[in-house]
All heavy atoms as atom14 arrays in JSON, in Angstrom:
{
  "sequence": "MAAGIINVRDIGNTHEAVTRISELYESEQIIGGDMFRAGFMDRESENA",
  "atom14_mask": [
    [1, 1, 1, 1, 1, 1, 1, 1, 0, 0, 0, 0, 0, 0],
    [1, 1, 1, 1, 1, 0, 0, 0, 0, 0, 0, 0, 0, 0],
    [1, 1, 1, 1, 1, 0, 0, 0, 0, 0, 0, 0, 0, 0],
    [1, 1, 1, 1, 0, 0, 0, 0, 0, 0, 0, 0, 0, 0],
    [1, 1, 1, 1, 1, 1, 1, 1, 0, 0, 0, 0, 0, 0],
    [1, 1, 1, 1, 1, 1, 1, 1, 0, 0, 0, 0, 0, 0],
    [1, 1, 1, 1, 1, 1, 1, 1, 0, 0, 0, 0, 0, 0],
    [1, 1, 1, 1, 1, 1, 1, 0, 0, 0, 0, 0, 0, 0],
    [1, 1, 1, 1, 1, 1, 1, 1, 1, 1, 1, 0, 0, 0],
    [1, 1, 1, 1, 1, 1, 1, 1, 0, 0, 0, 0, 0, 0],
    [1, 1, 1, 1, 1, 1, 1, 1, 0, 0, 0, 0, 0, 0],
    [1, 1, 1, 1, 0, 0, 0, 0, 0, 0, 0, 0, 0, 0],
    [1, 1, 1, 1, 1, 1, 1, 1, 0, 0, 0, 0, 0, 0],
    [1, 1, 1, 1, 1, 1, 1, 0, 0, 0, 0, 0, 0, 0],
    [1, 1, 1, 1, 1, 1, 1, 1, 1, 1, 0, 0, 0, 0],
    [1, 1, 1, 1, 1, 1, 1, 1, 1, 0, 0, 0, 0, 0],
    [1, 1, 1, 1, 1, 0, 0, 0, 0, 0, 0, 0, 0, 0],
    [1, 1, 1, 1, 1, 1, 1, 0, 0, 0, 0, 0, 0, 0],
    [1, 1, 1, 1, 1, 1, 1, 0, 0, 0, 0, 0, 0, 0],
    [1, 1, 1, 1, 1, 1, 1, 1, 1, 1, 1, 0, 0, 0],
    [1, 1, 1, 1, 1, 1, 1, 1, 0, 0, 0, 0, 0, 0],
    [1, 1, 1, 1, 1, 1, 0, 0, 0, 0, 0, 0, 0, 0],
    [1, 1, 1, 1, 1, 1, 1, 1, 1, 0, 0, 0, 0, 0],
    [1, 1, 1, 1, 1, 1, 1, 1, 0, 0, 0, 0, 0, 0],
    [1, 1, 1, 1, 1, 1, 1, 1, 1, 1, 1, 1, 0, 0],
    [1, 1, 1, 1, 1, 1, 1, 1, 1, 0, 0, 0, 0, 0],
    [1, 1, 1, 1, 1, 1, 0, 0, 0, 0, 0, 0, 0, 0],
    [1, 1, 1, 1, 1, 1, 1, 1, 1, 0, 0, 0, 0, 0],
    [1, 1, 1, 1, 1, 1, 1, 1, 1, 0, 0, 0, 0, 0],
    [1, 1, 1, 1, 1, 1, 1, 1, 0, 0, 0, 0, 0, 0],
    [1, 1, 1, 1, 1, 1, 1, 1, 0, 0, 0, 0, 0, 0],
    [1, 1, 1, 1, 0, 0, 0, 0, 0, 0, 0, 0, 0, 0],
    [1, 1, 1, 1, 0, 0, 0, 0, 0, 0, 0, 0, 0, 0],
    [1, 1, 1, 1, 1, 1, 1, 1, 0, 0, 0, 0, 0, 0],
    [1, 1, 1, 1, 1, 1, 1, 1, 0, 0, 0, 0, 0, 0],
    [1, 1, 1, 1, 1, 1, 1, 1, 1, 1, 1, 0, 0, 0],
    [1, 1, 1, 1, 1, 1, 1, 1, 1, 1, 1, 0, 0, 0],
    [1, 1, 1, 1, 1, 0, 0, 0, 0, 0, 0, 0, 0, 0],
    [1, 1, 1, 1, 0, 0, 0, 0, 0, 0, 0, 0, 0, 0],
    [1, 1, 1, 1, 1, 1, 1, 1, 1, 1, 1, 0, 0, 0],
    [1, 1, 1, 1, 1, 1, 1, 1, 0, 0, 0, 0, 0, 0],
    [1, 1, 1, 1, 1, 1, 1, 1, 0, 0, 0, 0, 0, 0],
    [1, 1, 1, 1, 1, 1, 1, 1, 1, 1, 1, 0, 0, 0],
    [1, 1, 1, 1, 1, 1, 1, 1, 1, 0, 0, 0, 0, 0],
    [1, 1, 1, 1, 1, 1, 0, 0, 0, 0, 0, 0, 0, 0],
    [1, 1, 1, 1, 1, 1, 1, 1, 1, 0, 0, 0, 0, 0],
    [1, 1, 1, 1, 1, 1, 1, 1, 0, 0, 0, 0, 0, 0],
    [1, 1, 1, 1, 1, 0, 0, 0, 0, 0, 0, 0, 0, 0]
  ],
  "atom14_positions": [
    [[0.86, -1.21, 0.02], [-0.03, 0.01, 0.07], [0.86, 1.2, 0.01], [0.6, 2.17, -0.68], [-0.89, -0.01, 1.22], [-2.09, 0.95, 1.06], [-3.23, 0.58, -0.24], [-4.14, -0.82, 0.45], [0.0, 0.0, 0.0], [0.0, 0.0, 0.0], [0.0, 0.0, 0.0], [0.0, 0.0, 0.0], [0.0, 0.0, 0.0], [0.0, 0.0, 0.0]],
    [[2.03, 1.14, 0.76], [2.93, 2.42, 0.75], [3.51, 2.62, -0.62], [3.72, 3.75, -0.97], [4.0, 2.1, 1.78], [0.0, 0.0, 0.0], [0.0, 0.0, 0.0], [0.0, 0.0, 0.0], [0.0, 0.0, 0.0], [0.0, 0.0, 0.0], [0.0, 0.0, 0.0], [0.0, 0.0, 0.0], [0.0, 0.0, 0.0], [0.0, 0.0, 0.0]],
    [[3.58, 1.62, -1.44], [4.22, 1.69, -2.77], [3.07, 1.98, -3.83], [3.38, 2.06, -4.99], [4.91, 0.52, -3.17], [0.0, 0.0, 0.0], [0.0, 0.0, 0.0], [0.0, 0.0, 0.0], [0.0, 0.0, 0.0], [0.0, 0.0, 0.0], [0.0, 0.0, 0.0], [0.0, 0.0, 0.0], [0.0, 0.0, 0.0], [0.0, 0.0, 0.0]],
    [[1.84, 2.11, -3.35], [0.77, 2.25, -4.45], [0.25, 1.02, -5.07], [-0.5, 1.11, -6.06], [0.0, 0.0, 0.0], [0.0, 0.0, 0.0], [0.0, 0.0, 0.0], [0.0, 0.0, 0.0], [0.0, 0.0, 0.0], [0.0, 0.0, 0.0], [0.0, 0.0, 0.0], [0.0, 0.0, 0.0], [0.0, 0.0, 0.0], [0.0, 0.0, 0.0]],
    [[0.52, -0.05, -4.5], [0.11, -1.41, -5.03], [-1.14, -1.82, -4.2], [-1.03, -2.17, -3.05], [1.2, -2.43, -4.89], [2.42, -2.05, -5.63], [0.66, -3.8, -5.34], [3.72, -2.84, -5.34], [0.0, 0.0, 0.0], [0.0, 0.0, 0.0], [0.0, 0.0, 0.0], [0.0, 0.0, 0.0], [0.0, 0.0, 0.0], [0.0, 0.0, 0.0]],
    [[-2.3, -1.87, -4.92], [-3.58, -2.05, -4.23], [-4.08, -3.55, -4.53], [-4.72, -4.19, -3.79], [-4.59, -1.06, -4.7], [-4.08, 0.34, -4.13], [-5.98, -1.3, -4.22], [-4.96, 1.46, -4.59], [0.0, 0.0, 0.0], [0.0, 0.0, 0.0], [0.0, 0.0, 0.0], [0.0, 0.0, 0.0], [0.0, 0.0, 0.0], [0.0, 0.0, 0.0]],
    [[-3.83, -3.94, -5.83], [-4.26, -5.35, -6.22], [-3.02, -6.32, -6.33], [-2.02, -5.95, -6.98], [-5.01, -5.29, -7.51], [-6.26, -4.45, -7.4], [-7.31, -4.88, -6.97], [-6.24, -3.18, -7.93], [0.0, 0.0, 0.0], [0.0, 0.0, 0.0], [0.0, 0.0, 0.0], [0.0, 0.0, 0.0], [0.0, 0.0, 0.0], [0.0, 0.0, 0.0]],
    [[-3.17, -7.48, -5.77], [-2.03, -8.49, -5.78], [-2.59, -9.78, -6.07], [-3.64, -10.28, -5.65], [-1.41, -8.49, -4.37], [-0.35, -9.5, -4.31], [-0.93, -7.04, -4.06], [0.0, 0.0, 0.0], [0.0, 0.0, 0.0], [0.0, 0.0, 0.0], [0.0, 0.0, 0.0], [0.0, 0.0, 0.0], [0.0, 0.0, 0.0], [0.0, 0.0, 0.0]],
    [[-1.82, -10.53, -6.98], [-2.13, -11.94, -7.2], [-1.05, -12.75, -6.43], [0.16, -12.49, -6.7], [-2.01, -12.16, -8.77], [-2.29, -13.6, -9.04], [-2.15, -14.0, -10.52], [-0.82, -13.77, -11.08], [-0.59, -14.0, -12.44], [-1.54, -14.4, -13.17], [0.67, -13.83, -12.82], [0.0, 0.0, 0.0], [0.0, 0.0, 0.0], [0.0, 0.0, 0.0]],
    [[-1.53, -13.54, -5.58], [-0.71, -14.4, -4.85], [-0.49, -15.66, -5.83], [-1.48, -16.42, -6.06], [-1.28, -14.94, -3.52], [-0.32, -15.75, -2.7], [-0.02, -16.9, -3.1], [0.12, -15.2, -1.67], [0.0, 0.0, 0.0], [0.0, 0.0, 0.0], [0.0, 0.0, 0.0], [0.0, 0.0, 0.0], [0.0, 0.0, 0.0], [0.0, 0.0, 0.0]],
    [[0.7, -15.96, -6.2], [1.03, -16.95, -7.16], [1.46, -18.23, -6.62], [1.76, -19.18, -7.37], [2.07, -16.38, -8.26], [2.03, -17.03, -9.59], [3.44, -16.37, -7.64], [0.76, -16.77, -10.38], [0.0, 0.0, 0.0], [0.0, 0.0, 0.0], [0.0, 0.0, 0.0], [0.0, 0.0, 0.0], [0.0, 0.0, 0.0], [0.0, 0.0, 0.0]],
    [[1.51, -18.4, -5.27], [1.98, -19.59, -4.68], [2.12, -19.5, -3.24], [2.95, -18.67, -2.72], [0.0, 0.0, 0.0], [0.0, 0.0, 0.0], [0.0, 0.0, 0.0], [0.0, 0.0, 0.0], [0.0, 0.0, 0.0], [0.0, 0.0, 0.0], [0.0, 0.0, 0.0], [0.0, 0.0, 0.0], [0.0, 0.0, 0.0], [0.0, 0.0, 0.0]],
    [[1.27, -20.17, -2.47], [1.24, -20.11, -0.95], [0.5, -21.25, -0.48], [-0.04, -22.09, -1.23], [0.52, -18.74, -0.63], [1.18, -18.14, 0.57], [1.62, -18.79, 1.58], [1.25, -16.76, 0.59], [0.0, 0.0, 0.0], [0.0, 0.0, 0.0], [0.0, 0.0, 0.0], [0.0, 0.0, 0.0], [0.0, 0.0, 0.0], [0.0, 0.0, 0.0]],
    [[0.48, -21.37, 0.82], [-0.39, -22.33, 1.44], [-1.84, -21.89, 1.45], [-2.04, -20.63, 1.43], [0.02, -22.7, 2.93], [-0.23, -21.57, 3.71], [1.44, -23.11, 2.94], [0.0, 0.0, 0.0], [0.0, 0.0, 0.0], [0.0, 0.0, 0.0], [0.0, 0.0, 0.0], [0.0, 0.0, 0.0], [0.0, 0.0, 0.0], [0.0, 0.0, 0.0]],
    [[-2.82, -22.8, 1.25], [-4.17, -22.45, 1.31], [-4.51, -21.65, 2.62], [-5.23, -20.64, 2.59], [-5.09, -23.55, 1.17], [-6.57, -23.3, 1.09], [-7.21, -22.47, 0.19], [-7.49, -23.64, 2.12], [-8.47, -22.48, 0.55], [-8.68, -23.11, 1.72], [0.0, 0.0, 0.0], [0.0, 0.0, 0.0], [0.0, 0.0, 0.0], [0.0, 0.0, 0.0]],
    [[-4.01, -22.12, 3.72], [-4.28, -21.51, 4.99], [-3.87, -20.17, 4.99], [-4.58, -19.31, 5.44], [-3.51, -22.39, 6.09], [-3.68, -21.79, 7.43], [-2.73, -22.46, 8.44], [-1.76, -23.16, 8.09], [-2.81, -22.13, 9.67], [0.0, 0.0, 0.0], [0.0, 0.0, 0.0], [0.0, 0.0, 0.0], [0.0, 0.0, 0.0], [0.0, 0.0, 0.0]],
    [[-2.69, -19.89, 4.64], [-2.14, -18.48, 4.58], [-2.96, -17.53, 3.74], [-3.32, -16.45, 4.02], [-0.73, -18.45, 4.12], [0.0, 0.0, 0.0], [0.0, 0.0, 0.0], [0.0, 0.0, 0.0], [0.0, 0.0, 0.0], [0.0, 0.0, 0.0], [0.0, 0.0, 0.0], [0.0, 0.0, 0.0], [0.0, 0.0, 0.0], [0.0, 0.0, 0.0]],
    [[-3.26, -18.01, 2.47], [-3.99, -17.2, 1.51], [-5.34, -16.83, 2.09], [-5.74, -15.67, 1.97], [-4.08, -17.98, 0.1], [-5.21, -17.42, -0.7], [-2.86, -18.05, -0.59], [0.0, 0.0, 0.0], [0.0, 0.0, 0.0], [0.0, 0.0, 0.0], [0.0, 0.0, 0.0], [0.0, 0.0, 0.0], [0.0, 0.0, 0.0], [0.0, 0.0, 0.0]],
    [[-6.03, -17.8, 2.63], [-7.5, -17.47, 3.08], [-7.37, -16.63, 4.29], [-8.23, -15.71, 4.41], [-8.17, -18.78, 3.39], [-7.46, -19.68, 4.23], [-8.45, -19.56, 2.11], [0.0, 0.0, 0.0], [0.0, 0.0, 0.0], [0.0, 0.0, 0.0], [0.0, 0.0, 0.0], [0.0, 0.0, 0.0], [0.0, 0.0, 0.0], [0.0, 0.0, 0.0]],
    [[-6.42, -16.83, 5.21], [-6.45, -15.99, 6.41], [-6.04, -14.54, 6.0], [-6.67, -13.58, 6.49], [-5.26, -16.52, 7.34], [-5.28, -15.8, 8.71], [-4.15, -16.51, 9.58], [-2.82, -16.23, 8.98], [-2.16, -15.04, 9.22], [-2.62, -13.99, 9.87], [-0.88, -14.97, 8.66], [0.0, 0.0, 0.0], [0.0, 0.0, 0.0], [0.0, 0.0, 0.0]],
    [[-5.02, -14.35, 5.15], [-4.6, -13.05, 4.76], [-5.72, -12.28, 4.01], [-6.02, -11.14, 4.27], [-3.26, -13.07, 3.95], [-2.15, -13.6, 4.8], [-2.92, -11.69, 3.37], [-0.89, -13.91, 4.04], [0.0, 0.0, 0.0], [0.0, 0.0, 0.0], [0.0, 0.0, 0.0], [0.0, 0.0, 0.0], [0.0, 0.0, 0.0], [0.0, 0.0, 0.0]],
    [[-6.42, -13.04, 3.22], [-7.55, -12.48, 2.35], [-8.6, -12.01, 3.23], [-9.2, -10.92, 3.05], [-8.05, -13.47, 1.34], [-9.19, -12.95, 0.58], [0.0, 0.0, 0.0], [0.0, 0.0, 0.0], [0.0, 0.0, 0.0], [0.0, 0.0, 0.0], [0.0, 0.0, 0.0], [0.0, 0.0, 0.0], [0.0, 0.0, 0.0], [0.0, 0.0, 0.0]],
    [[-8.94, -12.75, 4.22], [-9.96, -12.38, 5.24], [-9.55, -11.16, 6.03], [-10.42, -10.26, 6.21], [-10.31, -13.58, 6.21], [-11.0, -14.68, 5.53], [-11.06, -15.97, 6.41], [-10.5, -16.0, 7.55], [-11.65, -16.96, 5.9], [0.0, 0.0, 0.0], [0.0, 0.0, 0.0], [0.0, 0.0, 0.0], [0.0, 0.0, 0.0], [0.0, 0.0, 0.0]],
    [[-8.29, -11.1, 6.4], [-7.76, -9.93, 7.17], [-7.86, -8.64, 6.33], [-8.16, -7.55, 6.78], [-6.37, -10.17, 7.6], [-6.29, -11.18, 8.85], [-4.75, -11.54, 8.98], [-6.82, -10.68, 10.08], [0.0, 0.0, 0.0], [0.0, 0.0, 0.0], [0.0, 0.0, 0.0], [0.0, 0.0, 0.0], [0.0, 0.0, 0.0], [0.0, 0.0, 0.0]],
    [[-7.48, -8.81, 5.02], [-7.58, -7.7, 4.16], [-9.04, -7.2, 3.91], [-9.36, -6.03, 4.0], [-6.97, -8.06, 2.61], [-5.48, -8.12, 2.67], [-4.83, -8.5, 1.48], [-4.65, -7.84, 3.8], [-3.43, -8.61, 1.41], [-3.29, -7.96, 3.7], [-2.72, -8.3, 2.58], [-1.33, -8.48, 2.49], [0.0, 0.0, 0.0], [0.0, 0.0, 0.0]],
    [[-9.88, -8.14, 3.55], [-11.31, -7.87, 3.21], [-12.01, -7.22, 4.41], [-12.85, -6.29, 4.2], [-11.98, -9.09, 2.76], [-11.54, -9.63, 1.4], [-12.21, -10.9, 0.97], [-13.06, -11.29, 1.72], [-11.87, -11.42, -0.05], [0.0, 0.0, 0.0], [0.0, 0.0, 0.0], [0.0, 0.0, 0.0], [0.0, 0.0, 0.0], [0.0, 0.0, 0.0]],
    [[-11.67, -7.69, 5.63], [-12.29, -7.13, 6.79], [-11.69, -5.93, 7.33], [-12.17, -5.26, 8.26], [-12.3, -8.18, 7.92], [-11.0, -8.4, 8.35], [0.0, 0.0, 0.0], [0.0, 0.0, 0.0], [0.0, 0.0, 0.0], [0.0, 0.0, 0.0], [0.0, 0.0, 0.0], [0.0, 0.0, 0.0], [0.0, 0.0, 0.0], [0.0, 0.0, 0.0]],
    [[-10.51, -5.43, 6.67], [-9.79, -4.22, 6.94], [-9.17, -4.36, 8.36], [-8.92, -3.25, 9.0], [-10.64, -3.04, 6.66], [-11.06, -2.85, 5.3], [-11.71, -1.5, 5.05], [-11.95, -0.7, 6.01], [-12.01, -1.16, 3.9], [0.0, 0.0, 0.0], [0.0, 0.0, 0.0], [0.0, 0.0, 0.0], [0.0, 0.0, 0.0], [0.0, 0.0, 0.0]],
    [[-9.0, -5.55, 8.88], [-8.39, -5.65, 10.14], [-6.78, -5.27, 10.02], [-6.25, -4.71, 10.98], [-8.43, -7.1, 10.68], [-9.92, -7.58, 11.03], [-9.9, -8.92, 11.6], [-9.24, -9.31, 12.62], [-10.59, -9.78, 10.91], [0.0, 0.0, 0.0], [0.0, 0.0, 0.0], [0.0, 0.0, 0.0], [0.0, 0.0, 0.0], [0.0, 0.0, 0.0]],
    [[-6.3, -5.58, 8.88], [-4.89, -5.13, 8.55], [-4.99, -4.44, 7.18], [-5.92, -4.68, 6.44], [-3.89, -6.29, 8.55], [-4.14, -7.28, 7.39], [-3.9, -6.95, 9.96], [-3.09, -8.4, 7.47], [0.0, 0.0, 0.0], [0.0, 0.0, 0.0], [0.0, 0.0, 0.0], [0.0, 0.0, 0.0], [0.0, 0.0, 0.0], [0.0, 0.0, 0.0]],
    [[-3.89, -3.75, 6.83], [-3.9, -3.02, 5.54], [-3.58, -3.98, 4.42], [-2.66, -4.77, 4.47], [-2.85, -1.93, 5.67], [-3.25, -0.87, 6.69], [-2.69, -1.23, 4.29], [-2.23, 0.17, 7.02], [0.0, 0.0, 0.0], [0.0, 0.0, 0.0], [0.0, 0.0, 0.0], [0.0, 0.0, 0.0], [0.0, 0.0, 0.0], [0.0, 0.0, 0.0]],
    [[-4.32, -3.9, 3.4], [-4.08, -4.75, 2.18], [-5.26, -4.6, 1.22], [-6.4, -4.35, 1.7], [0.0, 0.0, 0.0], [0.0, 0.0, 0.0], [0.0, 0.0, 0.0], [0.0, 0.0, 0.0], [0.0, 0.0, 0.0], [0.0, 0.0, 0.0], [0.0, 0.0, 0.0], [0.0, 0.0, 0.0], [0.0, 0.0, 0.0], [0.0, 0.0, 0.0]],
    [[-4.96, -4.52, 0.0], [-5.97, -4.34, -0.99], [-6.63, -5.67, -1.46], [-6.67, -6.58, -0.71], [0.0, 0.0, 0.0], [0.0, 0.0, 0.0], [0.0, 0.0, 0.0], [0.0, 0.0, 0.0], [0.0, 0.0, 0.0], [0.0, 0.0, 0.0], [0.0, 0.0, 0.0], [0.0, 0.0, 0.0], [0.0, 0.0, 0.0], [0.0, 0.0, 0.0]],
    [[-7.09, -5.65, -2.76], [-7.72, -6.89, -3.25], [-6.71, -7.94, -3.66], [-5.63, -7.56, -4.13], [-8.62, -6.53, -4.55], [-9.87, -5.76, -4.18], [-10.22, -5.78, -3.02], [-10.49, -5.22, -5.16], [0.0, 0.0, 0.0], [0.0, 0.0, 0.0], [0.0, 0.0, 0.0], [0.0, 0.0, 0.0], [0.0, 0.0, 0.0], [0.0, 0.0, 0.0]],
    [[-7.1, -9.15, -3.46], [-6.16, -10.28, -3.5], [-6.81, -11.27, -4.54], [-7.98, -11.7, -4.37], [-5.95, -10.94, -2.1], [-4.96, -12.04, -2.15], [-4.82, -12.49, -0.47], [-3.92, -14.05, -0.54], [0.0, 0.0, 0.0], [0.0, 0.0, 0.0], [0.0, 0.0, 0.0], [0.0, 0.0, 0.0], [0.0, 0.0, 0.0], [0.0, 0.0, 0.0]],
    [[-5.98, -11.79, -5.49], [-6.31, -12.75, -6.49], [-5.43, -13.92, -6.25], [-4.28, -13.89, -5.79], [-6.26, -12.27, -7.89], [-7.13, -11.03, -8.21], [-6.82, -9.76, -7.64], [-8.38, -11.15, -8.77], [-7.62, -8.71, -7.96], [-9.15, -10.11, -9.02], [-8.82, -8.8, -8.62], [0.0, 0.0, 0.0], [0.0, 0.0, 0.0], [0.0, 0.0, 0.0]],
    [[-5.97, -15.25, -6.41], [-5.3, -16.45, -6.01], [-4.98, -17.44, -7.14], [-5.91, -17.65, -7.96], [-6.2, -17.05, -4.92], [-6.34, -16.28, -3.71], [-7.19, -17.05, -2.64], [-8.53, -17.19, -3.1], [-9.44, -17.91, -2.46], [-9.05, -18.69, -1.43], [-10.69, -18.07, -2.89], [0.0, 0.0, 0.0], [0.0, 0.0, 0.0], [0.0, 0.0, 0.0]],
    [[-3.8, -17.87, -7.08], [-3.45, -18.97, -7.91], [-3.07, -20.32, -7.03], [-2.38, -20.13, -6.09], [-2.18, -18.66, -8.76], [0.0, 0.0, 0.0], [0.0, 0.0, 0.0], [0.0, 0.0, 0.0], [0.0, 0.0, 0.0], [0.0, 0.0, 0.0], [0.0, 0.0, 0.0], [0.0, 0.0, 0.0], [0.0, 0.0, 0.0], [0.0, 0.0, 0.0]],
    [[-3.67, -21.4, -7.41], [-3.45, -22.6, -6.64], [-2.14, -23.17, -7.07], [-1.8, -23.28, -8.29], [0.0, 0.0, 0.0], [0.0, 0.0, 0.0], [0.0, 0.0, 0.0], [0.0, 0.0, 0.0], [0.0, 0.0, 0.0], [0.0, 0.0, 0.0], [0.0, 0.0, 0.0], [0.0, 0.0, 0.0], [0.0, 0.0, 0.0], [0.0, 0.0, 0.0]],
    [[-1.3, -23.55, -6.13], [0.05, -23.95, -6.44], [0.19, -25.45, -6.4], [-0.25, -26.16, -5.45], [1.01, -23.33, -5.33], [2.42, -23.35, -5.56], [2.95, -22.66, -6.56], [3.25, -24.36, -4.95], [4.41, -22.74, -6.88], [4.62, -24.37, -5.17], [5.21, -23.56, -6.13], [0.0, 0.0, 0.0], [0.0, 0.0, 0.0], [0.0, 0.0, 0.0]],
    [[0.86, -26.0, -7.39], [0.91, -27.47, -7.57], [2.34, -27.92, -8.04], [2.91, -27.22, -8.99], [-0.16, -27.9, -8.53], [-0.15, -29.38, -8.74], [-1.23, -29.8, -10.24], [-2.72, -29.1, -9.77], [0.0, 0.0, 0.0], [0.0, 0.0, 0.0], [0.0, 0.0, 0.0], [0.0, 0.0, 0.0], [0.0, 0.0, 0.0], [0.0, 0.0, 0.0]],
    [[2.8, -28.99, -7.64], [4.04, -29.58, -8.16], [3.8, -31.06, -8.08], [2.98, -31.71, -7.38], [5.26, -29.11, -7.33], [6.53, -29.25, -8.18], [6.55, -29.65, -9.32], [7.57, -28.87, -7.52], [0.0, 0.0, 0.0], [0.0, 0.0, 0.0], [0.0, 0.0, 0.0], [0.0, 0.0, 0.0], [0.0, 0.0, 0.0], [0.0, 0.0, 0.0]],
    [[4.71, -31.73, -8.88], [4.8, -33.23, -8.75], [5.68, -33.61, -7.56], [6.72, -32.93, -7.42], [5.32, -33.87, -9.97], [5.33, -35.34, -9.85], [5.8, -36.19, -10.91], [5.83, -37.62, -10.47], [5.92, -38.7, -11.29], [5.85, -38.47, -12.53], [5.93, -39.96, -10.81], [0.0, 0.0, 0.0], [0.0, 0.0, 0.0], [0.0, 0.0, 0.0]],
    [[5.35, -34.65, -6.84], [6.16, -35.03, -5.79], [7.48, -35.52, -6.23], [7.63, -36.42, -7.22], [5.48, -36.18, -4.99], [6.25, -36.73, -3.77], [6.64, -35.62, -2.75], [5.75, -34.85, -2.43], [7.81, -35.7, -2.44], [0.0, 0.0, 0.0], [0.0, 0.0, 0.0], [0.0, 0.0, 0.0], [0.0, 0.0, 0.0], [0.0, 0.0, 0.0]],
    [[8.61, -34.87, -5.71], [9.92, -35.26, -6.02], [10.84, -34.67, -4.93], [10.39, -33.86, -4.22], [10.38, -34.77, -7.43], [10.72, -33.48, -7.4], [0.0, 0.0, 0.0], [0.0, 0.0, 0.0], [0.0, 0.0, 0.0], [0.0, 0.0, 0.0], [0.0, 0.0, 0.0], [0.0, 0.0, 0.0], [0.0, 0.0, 0.0], [0.0, 0.0, 0.0]],
    [[12.14, -35.05, -4.97], [13.03, -34.41, -3.98], [13.23, -32.88, -4.17], [13.65, -32.17, -3.32], [14.37, -35.07, -3.99], [15.19, -34.98, -5.37], [16.54, -35.6, -5.27], [16.88, -36.01, -4.17], [17.3, -35.52, -6.28], [0.0, 0.0, 0.0], [0.0, 0.0, 0.0], [0.0, 0.0, 0.0], [0.0, 0.0, 0.0], [0.0, 0.0, 0.0]],
    [[12.87, -32.44, -5.42], [13.0, -31.01, -5.74], [11.7, -30.32, -5.69], [11.56, -29.15, -6.13], [13.69, -30.78, -7.14], [15.13, -31.38, -7.13], [15.39, -32.38, -7.79], [15.99, -30.68, -6.49], [0.0, 0.0, 0.0], [0.0, 0.0, 0.0], [0.0, 0.0, 0.0], [0.0, 0.0, 0.0], [0.0, 0.0, 0.0], [0.0, 0.0, 0.0]],
    [[10.68, -31.01, -5.28], [9.31, -30.34, -5.32], [9.21, -29.13, -4.32], [9.93, -29.13, -3.25], [8.31, -31.37, -4.85], [0.0, 0.0, 0.0], [0.0, 0.0, 0.0], [0.0, 0.0, 0.0], [0.0, 0.0, 0.0], [0.0, 0.0, 0.0], [0.0, 0.0, 0.0], [0.0, 0.0, 0.0], [0.0, 0.0, 0.0], [0.0, 0.0, 0.0]]
  ]
}
């Protein structure tokens, strides 16, 4: 917000973190604009 960024796409996170942060933003409990979400996926491997 200090940099003028109001809309953000989260491109990879835990579902728990995304939903919690989104709720905090939307309820204006903490500062944050609109949030768009990408579900993150990888194939299981040692480098996943």
